[in-house]
Amino acid sequence: MAPFARLLDRRGWAAFLGLGAVLAVLVPLLNLLPETSPFHLPNYLVPLLGKYACYAILALSLDLIWGYAGILSLGQGAFFALGGYAMGMYLMRQIGRRGVYGHPELPDFMVFLNWNELPWYWYGFDHFAFAAAVALLVPGLLAFVFGWFAFRSRVTGVYLSIITQALTFALMLAFFRNDMGFGGNNGLTDYKDILGFEIQAPSTRRGLYIASVVALGLSFLLCRFVIASRLGRVLLALRDTESRVRFLGYSVTNAKLFAFTMAAVLAGLAGALYVPQVGIINPSEFSPANSIEVAIWVAVGGRGTLVGAILGAGIVNWVKTWLTGAAPEIWLFFLGALFVLVTLALPAGVVGLARQWRNRRRRPVPVPAE
């Protein structure tokens, strides 16, 4: 029981399991109700909620390194997109002769561009296990190599943010090229099935949603485990006084590299779960603006809390879904104003505001002297 108590207290476990039951069990059950029922959850909302769960995993990955290690990476969108492309390649290989051109091996965009054979880096993606492994390993490997050079060179602060954003932009430009073999600006789309199940079927959508919620729960517990460990205390110390941690003999490079690589793997996982639910992956997912938006999610929810990252991702994307339908021309202005408002008025985010309100309620009321 002691290891579990280190992750969450009793109230925390009760909230975690209760919310998990609602999201993973109640939501699919509501979707199974007859359409005439007032409690029926429409089919289109299931993948939308699944997309929010993927965004929450992505927000967790940034909160781990920004909120606890003080590393503001503006490249999480790149790791998310790499995981998405790995899963998209698997889904494209499953199409086979059902494509527009009916080629047994080549995706439609390769036939259209007069490719004669499948590139070597597409081999193996006809197997789900291989694609899932690549979706985690490629973002992790890229983060490890990039972080090794950056952290050994003691690149920190805004300089690290700039070079991670440059990495994202470079990958976006590369994936826009048709000769890269990833579909160019159109990306990868028109998926048919996943693991033999029709991808557009309501039952498949429910399965993908449940997988996303379970992955979110496990990602949250994994982050809590790291934070509650000795490494987590080192990361917190790095955030506050890096020079003192180095003076005490801890390996600053190794601690940062572990957190940075782990965050990239989580982002890749989020991307792999995201693509089957939205039905497309293209180079726009590498856009630096997407990585900045992830930072806004974490800031709105409250960085350094994990729960805040999940709340921020859900709140901001729910508002985005509503606002892009009601008034799409003002969404970016609203997003910028929201970030400025949170920075000036709510530096601790929604979770910090809730904690302040709770502490005020618990504060004893002074009794006037007679």
Protein backbone atom coordinates (compact mmCIF):
# COMPACT_ATOMS: atom_id res chain seq x y z
CA MET A 1 0.00 0.00 0.00
CA ALA A 2 2.94 2.33 0.65
CA PRO A 3 3.96 2.69 -3.03
CA PHE A 4 0.37 3.61 -3.95
CA ALA A 5 0.16 6.09 -1.09
CA ARG A 6 3.20 7.84 -2.50
CA LEU A 7 1.33 8.52 -5.73
CA LEU A 8 -1.99 9.76 -4.30
CA ASP A 9 -3.66 9.97 -0.91
CA ARG A 10 -7.02 8.29 -0.23
CA ARG A 11 -9.05 11.23 -1.49
CA GLY A 12 -6.83 11.43 -4.55
CA TRP A 13 -7.32 7.75 -5.36
CA ALA A 14 -11.07 8.08 -4.85
CA ALA A 15 -11.22 11.03 -7.23
CA PHE A 16 -8.94 9.29 -9.76
CA LEU A 17 -10.93 6.04 -9.80
CA GLY A 18 -14.28 7.81 -9.74
CA LEU A 19 -13.44 10.12 -12.62
CA GLY A 20 -11.85 7.24 -14.49
CA ALA A 21 -15.03 5.18 -14.14
CA VAL A 22 -17.12 8.08 -15.45
CA LEU A 23 -14.89 8.69 -18.46
CA ALA A 24 -14.02 5.10 -19.37
CA VAL A 25 -17.33 3.39 -18.54
CA LEU A 26 -20.19 5.87 -18.32
CA VAL A 27 -19.44 7.78 -21.53
CA PRO A 28 -19.38 4.64 -23.75
CA LEU A 29 -22.53 3.37 -22.05
CA LEU A 30 -24.32 6.65 -22.78
CA ASN A 31 -23.28 6.30 -26.40
CA LEU A 32 -24.83 2.83 -26.52
CA LEU A 33 -28.24 4.11 -25.42
CA PRO A 34 -30.94 4.43 -28.11
CA GLU A 35 -30.89 7.70 -30.01
CA THR A 36 -34.38 8.44 -28.72
CA SER A 37 -33.12 8.46 -25.14
CA PRO A 38 -32.51 11.93 -23.63
CA PHE A 39 -29.24 10.59 -22.16
CA HIS A 40 -27.87 9.35 -25.49
CA LEU A 41 -24.37 10.62 -26.31
CA PRO A 42 -24.11 11.33 -30.07
CA ASN A 43 -21.53 9.39 -32.07
CA TYR A 44 -19.66 12.51 -33.13
CA LEU A 45 -18.89 13.41 -29.50
CA VAL A 46 -17.02 10.16 -28.78
CA PRO A 47 -14.00 10.88 -31.03
CA LEU A 48 -14.13 14.53 -29.94
CA LEU A 49 -13.75 13.50 -26.29
CA GLY A 50 -11.07 11.03 -27.31
CA LYS A 51 -9.21 13.87 -29.01
CA TYR A 52 -9.42 15.89 -25.80
CA ALA A 53 -7.91 12.94 -23.90
CA CYS A 54 -4.99 12.87 -26.36
CA TYR A 55 -4.49 16.60 -25.88
CA ALA A 56 -4.47 16.04 -22.11
CA ILE A 57 -1.63 13.50 -22.47
CA LEU A 58 0.27 16.04 -24.56
CA ALA A 59 -0.30 18.70 -21.90
CA LEU A 60 0.95 16.30 -19.21
CA SER A 61 4.16 15.80 -21.17
CA LEU A 62 4.84 19.53 -21.21
CA ASP A 63 3.86 20.02 -17.58
CA LEU A 64 6.37 17.36 -16.54
CA ILE A 65 9.30 19.29 -18.00
CA TRP A 66 8.04 22.86 -17.72
CA GLY A 67 6.12 22.75 -14.48
CA TYR A 68 8.56 20.53 -12.58
CA ALA A 69 11.94 20.92 -14.30
CA GLY A 70 11.59 24.49 -15.56
CA ILE A 71 12.26 23.49 -19.20
CA LEU A 72 9.89 25.36 -21.51
CA SER A 73 10.03 23.21 -24.61
CA LEU A 74 8.19 24.59 -27.63
CA GLY A 75 8.79 21.37 -29.54
CA GLN A 76 6.20 19.07 -28.00
CA GLY A 77 4.08 19.47 -31.11
CA ALA A 78 6.88 17.90 -33.16
CA PHE A 79 7.02 14.78 -30.98
CA PHE A 80 3.21 14.59 -31.08
CA ALA A 81 3.23 14.77 -34.88
CA LEU A 82 5.99 12.14 -35.22
CA GLY A 83 3.93 9.70 -33.17
CA GLY A 84 0.93 10.54 -35.31
CA TYR A 85 2.81 9.96 -38.56
CA ALA A 86 4.01 6.55 -37.34
CA MET A 87 0.42 5.47 -36.70
CA GLY A 88 -0.74 7.09 -39.94
CA MET A 89 1.80 5.04 -41.89
CA TYR A 90 0.42 1.85 -40.37
CA LEU A 91 -3.14 2.89 -41.24
CA MET A 92 -2.12 3.69 -44.82
CA ARG A 93 -0.53 0.25 -45.21
CA GLN A 94 -3.84 -1.33 -44.18
CA ILE A 95 -5.69 0.20 -47.14
CA GLY A 96 -4.10 -2.06 -49.76
CA ARG A 97 -6.18 -2.48 -52.92
CA ARG A 98 -9.06 -0.46 -51.45
CA GLY A 99 -7.32 2.78 -52.42
CA VAL A 100 -8.33 4.92 -55.38
CA TYR A 101 -5.63 3.41 -57.61
CA GLY A 102 -5.96 -0.12 -56.22
CA HIS A 103 -2.23 -0.66 -55.72
CA PRO A 104 -1.54 -3.54 -53.29
CA GLU A 105 1.41 -1.84 -51.56
CA LEU A 106 1.80 1.81 -52.50
CA PRO A 107 -0.45 4.43 -50.90
CA ASP A 108 -2.48 6.52 -53.34
CA PHE A 109 -0.26 9.60 -53.05
CA MET A 110 2.81 7.56 -54.05
CA VAL A 111 1.03 6.18 -57.12
CA PHE A 112 -0.07 9.71 -58.04
CA LEU A 113 3.54 10.96 -57.72
CA ASN A 114 4.79 8.04 -59.91
CA TRP A 115 6.69 6.23 -57.16
CA ASN A 116 7.67 2.74 -58.34
CA GLU A 117 8.32 1.06 -55.02
CA LEU A 118 7.76 1.50 -51.33
CA PRO A 119 10.56 3.46 -49.58
CA TRP A 120 12.65 1.43 -47.15
CA TYR A 121 11.48 3.46 -44.16
CA TRP A 122 7.90 2.32 -44.81
CA TYR A 123 8.83 -1.34 -44.31
CA GLY A 124 7.39 -2.90 -41.18
CA PHE A 125 4.47 -0.51 -40.91
CA ASP A 126 2.04 -3.19 -42.02
CA HIS A 127 2.36 -4.50 -38.43
CA PHE A 128 0.63 -2.62 -35.60
CA ALA A 129 3.24 -3.54 -32.99
CA PHE A 130 6.03 -2.14 -35.14
CA ALA A 131 4.15 1.11 -35.76
CA ALA A 132 3.31 1.48 -32.06
CA ALA A 133 6.95 0.97 -31.11
CA VAL A 134 8.12 3.52 -33.69
CA ALA A 135 5.51 6.02 -32.44
CA LEU A 136 7.20 5.93 -29.03
CA LEU A 137 10.84 5.30 -29.94
CA VAL A 138 11.35 7.87 -32.70
CA PRO A 139 10.16 10.88 -30.62
CA GLY A 140 12.11 9.55 -27.64
CA LEU A 141 15.28 9.02 -29.67
CA LEU A 142 15.05 12.46 -31.27
CA ALA A 143 14.52 14.07 -27.87
CA PHE A 144 17.43 12.12 -26.39
CA VAL A 145 19.87 13.18 -29.11
CA PHE A 146 18.64 16.77 -29.18
CA GLY A 147 18.61 17.04 -25.40
CA TRP A 148 22.04 15.46 -25.03
CA PHE A 149 23.63 18.19 -27.14
CA ALA A 150 21.51 21.00 -25.68
CA PHE A 151 21.86 20.12 -22.00
CA ARG A 152 25.55 19.26 -22.24
CA SER A 153 26.05 22.71 -23.73
CA ARG A 154 24.03 24.15 -20.84
CA VAL A 155 21.46 25.75 -23.11
CA THR A 156 18.64 26.92 -20.87
CA GLY A 157 15.77 29.37 -20.63
CA VAL A 158 14.51 31.23 -23.64
CA TYR A 159 17.41 29.95 -25.77
CA LEU A 160 16.27 26.36 -25.33
CA SER A 161 12.68 27.38 -26.14
CA ILE A 162 13.87 29.02 -29.36
CA ILE A 163 15.90 26.05 -30.60
CA THR A 164 13.08 23.58 -29.81
CA GLN A 165 10.76 25.81 -31.82
CA ALA A 166 13.34 25.88 -34.63
CA LEU A 167 13.42 22.07 -34.58
CA THR A 168 9.65 21.98 -34.94
CA PHE A 169 9.70 24.44 -37.82
CA ALA A 170 12.45 22.52 -39.63
CA LEU A 171 10.49 19.28 -39.38
CA MET A 172 7.36 21.02 -40.67
CA LEU A 173 9.21 22.27 -43.75
CA ALA A 174 10.70 18.83 -44.36
CA PHE A 175 7.38 17.01 -44.14
CA PHE A 176 5.78 19.47 -46.55
CA ARG A 177 8.07 18.14 -49.31
CA ASN A 178 6.49 15.56 -51.60
CA ASP A 179 9.81 13.76 -52.11
CA MET A 180 10.00 12.92 -48.38
CA GLY A 181 7.44 10.18 -48.91
CA PHE A 182 4.94 11.27 -46.25
CA GLY A 183 2.18 12.71 -48.43
CA GLY A 184 3.45 16.28 -48.69
CA ASN A 185 1.05 19.03 -47.67
CA ASN A 186 -1.94 16.66 -47.90
CA GLY A 187 -0.47 14.26 -45.37
CA LEU A 188 -1.89 10.80 -44.71
CA THR A 189 -5.65 10.23 -44.70
CA ASP A 190 -8.54 8.10 -46.01
CA TYR A 191 -7.92 5.34 -43.47
CA LYS A 192 -10.06 2.21 -43.68
CA ASP A 193 -9.48 0.07 -40.59
CA ILE A 194 -7.28 -0.51 -37.57
CA LEU A 195 -6.42 -4.00 -36.28
CA GLY A 196 -9.06 -5.34 -38.66
CA PHE A 197 -11.88 -3.13 -37.34
CA GLU A 198 -13.56 -0.53 -39.53
CA ILE A 199 -12.20 2.78 -38.32
CA GLN A 200 -15.46 4.69 -38.86
CA ALA A 201 -17.61 2.20 -36.99
CA PRO A 202 -19.10 3.49 -33.71
CA SER A 203 -17.75 0.48 -31.83
CA THR A 204 -14.22 1.21 -33.07
CA ARG A 205 -14.58 4.86 -32.09
CA ARG A 206 -15.62 3.78 -28.60
CA GLY A 207 -12.64 1.44 -28.36
CA LEU A 208 -10.23 4.19 -29.41
CA TYR A 209 -11.82 6.57 -26.92
CA ILE A 210 -11.46 4.05 -24.07
CA ALA A 211 -7.83 3.41 -25.07
CA SER A 212 -7.16 7.16 -24.96
CA VAL A 213 -8.72 7.53 -21.50
CA VAL A 214 -6.79 4.54 -20.14
CA ALA A 215 -3.57 5.92 -21.64
CA LEU A 216 -4.30 9.27 -20.02
CA GLY A 217 -4.78 7.64 -16.62
CA LEU A 218 -1.59 5.60 -16.91
CA SER A 219 0.36 8.64 -18.11
CA PHE A 220 -0.86 10.64 -15.13
CA LEU A 221 0.21 7.90 -12.70
CA LEU A 222 3.58 7.57 -14.41
CA CYS A 223 4.20 11.31 -14.06
CA ARG A 224 3.08 11.18 -10.42
CA PHE A 225 5.51 8.31 -9.81
CA VAL A 226 8.41 10.28 -11.26
CA ILE A 227 7.50 13.40 -9.29
CA ALA A 228 7.15 11.48 -6.01
CA SER A 229 10.55 9.85 -6.49
CA ARG A 230 14.00 11.18 -5.65
CA LEU A 231 14.37 12.22 -9.28
CA GLY A 232 11.24 14.34 -8.94
CA ARG A 233 12.77 16.23 -6.03
CA VAL A 234 15.89 16.81 -8.09
CA LEU A 235 13.78 18.16 -10.96
CA LEU A 236 12.03 20.58 -8.61
CA ALA A 237 15.39 21.74 -7.31
CA LEU A 238 16.59 22.23 -10.90
CA ARG A 239 13.59 24.43 -11.60
CA ASP A 240 14.36 26.68 -8.66
CA THR A 241 18.17 26.74 -8.34
CA GLU A 242 20.00 24.74 -10.99
CA SER A 243 23.44 25.98 -9.98
CA ARG A 244 23.00 24.74 -6.42
CA VAL A 245 21.94 21.28 -7.64
CA ARG A 246 25.05 21.08 -9.79
CA PHE A 247 27.19 22.24 -6.85
CA LEU A 248 25.74 19.43 -4.67
CA GLY A 249 27.05 16.87 -7.14
CA TYR A 250 23.88 15.82 -8.97
CA SER A 251 24.01 15.22 -12.71
CA VAL A 252 21.90 18.05 -14.07
CA THR A 253 22.32 16.82 -17.65
CA ASN A 254 21.07 13.30 -16.89
CA ALA A 255 18.06 14.51 -14.90
CA LYS A 256 17.00 16.94 -17.61
CA LEU A 257 17.65 14.39 -20.35
CA PHE A 258 15.48 11.77 -18.68
CA ALA A 259 12.55 14.15 -18.18
CA PHE A 260 12.87 15.58 -21.70
CA THR A 261 12.97 12.12 -23.30
CA MET A 262 10.07 10.83 -21.21
CA ALA A 263 7.98 13.87 -22.16
CA ALA A 264 8.69 13.23 -25.85
CA VAL A 265 7.59 9.58 -25.53
CA LEU A 266 4.31 10.68 -23.90
CA ALA A 267 3.77 13.21 -26.68
CA GLY A 268 4.35 10.48 -29.28
CA LEU A 269 1.82 8.25 -27.51
CA ALA A 270 -0.72 11.08 -27.64
CA GLY A 271 -0.12 11.56 -31.36
CA ALA A 272 -0.49 7.84 -32.11
CA LEU A 273 -3.87 7.74 -30.35
CA TYR A 274 -4.98 11.03 -31.92
CA VAL A 275 -4.60 10.15 -35.60
CA PRO A 276 -7.08 7.22 -35.85
CA GLN A 277 -9.75 9.35 -34.17
CA VAL A 278 -9.41 12.45 -36.36
CA GLY A 279 -8.68 10.54 -39.57
CA ILE A 280 -5.75 12.59 -40.84
CA ILE A 281 -2.18 13.66 -40.09
CA ASN A 282 -0.42 16.38 -42.10
CA PRO A 283 2.56 18.75 -41.66
CA SER A 284 0.38 21.43 -40.04
CA GLU A 285 0.63 19.40 -36.81
CA PHE A 286 4.31 20.44 -36.71
CA SER A 287 3.34 24.11 -36.70
CA PRO A 288 5.18 26.04 -33.95
CA ALA A 289 1.86 27.67 -33.07
CA ASN A 290 0.57 24.26 -31.93
CA SER A 291 3.41 23.89 -29.43
CA ILE A 292 2.77 27.39 -28.12
CA GLU A 293 -0.91 26.49 -27.73
CA VAL A 294 0.06 23.49 -25.58
CA ALA A 295 1.96 25.86 -23.29
CA ILE A 296 -1.21 27.95 -22.98
CA TRP A 297 -3.20 24.86 -21.94
CA VAL A 298 -0.73 24.16 -19.16
CA ALA A 299 -0.61 27.79 -18.05
CA VAL A 300 -4.41 28.06 -17.93
CA GLY A 301 -4.75 24.89 -15.86
CA GLY A 302 -1.79 25.59 -13.62
CA ARG A 303 1.72 24.36 -14.33
CA GLY A 304 3.47 22.11 -11.87
CA THR A 305 0.24 20.35 -10.86
CA LEU A 306 -0.42 17.68 -13.58
CA VAL A 307 -4.14 17.95 -12.83
CA GLY A 308 -3.99 21.53 -14.06
CA ALA A 309 -2.49 20.41 -17.37
CA ILE A 310 -5.40 18.02 -17.93
CA LEU A 311 -7.98 20.65 -16.96
CA GLY A 312 -6.33 23.31 -19.10
CA ALA A 313 -6.27 21.06 -22.16
CA GLY A 314 -9.93 20.20 -21.69
CA ILE A 315 -11.13 23.75 -20.98
CA VAL A 316 -9.22 25.51 -23.75
CA ASN A 317 -10.06 22.92 -26.40
CA TRP A 318 -13.73 22.88 -25.42
CA VAL A 319 -13.82 26.66 -25.82
CA LYS A 320 -11.94 26.29 -29.11
CA THR A 321 -14.47 23.79 -30.42
CA TRP A 322 -17.35 26.11 -29.54
CA LEU A 323 -15.70 29.34 -30.64
CA THR A 324 -14.34 28.09 -33.97
CA GLY A 325 -17.90 27.16 -34.84
CA ALA A 326 -19.58 30.30 -33.52
CA ALA A 327 -16.94 32.94 -34.39
CA PRO A 328 -13.85 31.38 -36.02
CA GLU A 329 -12.33 34.72 -36.96
CA ILE A 330 -11.75 35.71 -33.31
CA TRP A 331 -10.34 32.43 -31.96
CA LEU A 332 -6.65 33.39 -32.20
CA PHE A 333 -7.33 36.79 -30.63
CA PHE A 334 -9.18 35.07 -27.80
CA LEU A 335 -6.32 32.61 -27.29
CA GLY A 336 -3.76 35.40 -27.06
CA ALA A 337 -5.93 37.42 -24.70
CA LEU A 338 -6.45 34.32 -22.54
CA PHE A 339 -2.71 33.77 -22.19
CA VAL A 340 -2.12 37.42 -21.24
CA LEU A 341 -4.98 37.29 -18.73
CA VAL A 342 -3.70 34.11 -17.10
CA THR A 343 -0.13 35.42 -16.96
CA LEU A 344 -1.16 38.68 -15.29
CA ALA A 345 -4.15 37.72 -13.17
CA LEU A 346 -3.89 33.94 -12.65
CA PRO A 347 -0.19 32.99 -12.61
CA ALA A 348 -1.03 29.73 -10.83
CA GLY A 349 -3.86 28.88 -13.25
CA VAL A 350 -7.26 27.40 -12.48
CA VAL A 351 -5.85 24.91 -9.97
CA GLY A 352 -4.01 27.67 -8.13
CA LEU A 353 -7.18 29.75 -7.97
CA ALA A 354 -9.10 26.78 -6.54
CA ARG A 355 -6.39 26.23 -3.91
CA GLN A 356 -6.51 29.89 -2.86
CA TRP A 357 -10.28 29.72 -2.49
CA ARG A 358 -10.03 26.50 -0.44
CA ASN A 359 -7.35 27.95 1.83
CA ARG A 360 -9.46 31.02 2.48
CA ARG A 361 -12.39 28.85 3.53
CA ARG A 362 -10.18 26.86 5.89
CA ARG A 363 -8.63 29.96 7.45
CA PRO A 364 -10.13 30.46 10.94
CA VAL A 365 -12.22 33.55 11.40
CA PRO A 366 -10.67 35.78 14.11
CA VAL A 367 -12.86 36.25 17.17
CA PRO A 368 -13.07 39.90 18.26
CA ALA A 369 -11.78 40.58 21.73
CA GLU A 370 -14.38 41.53 24.29
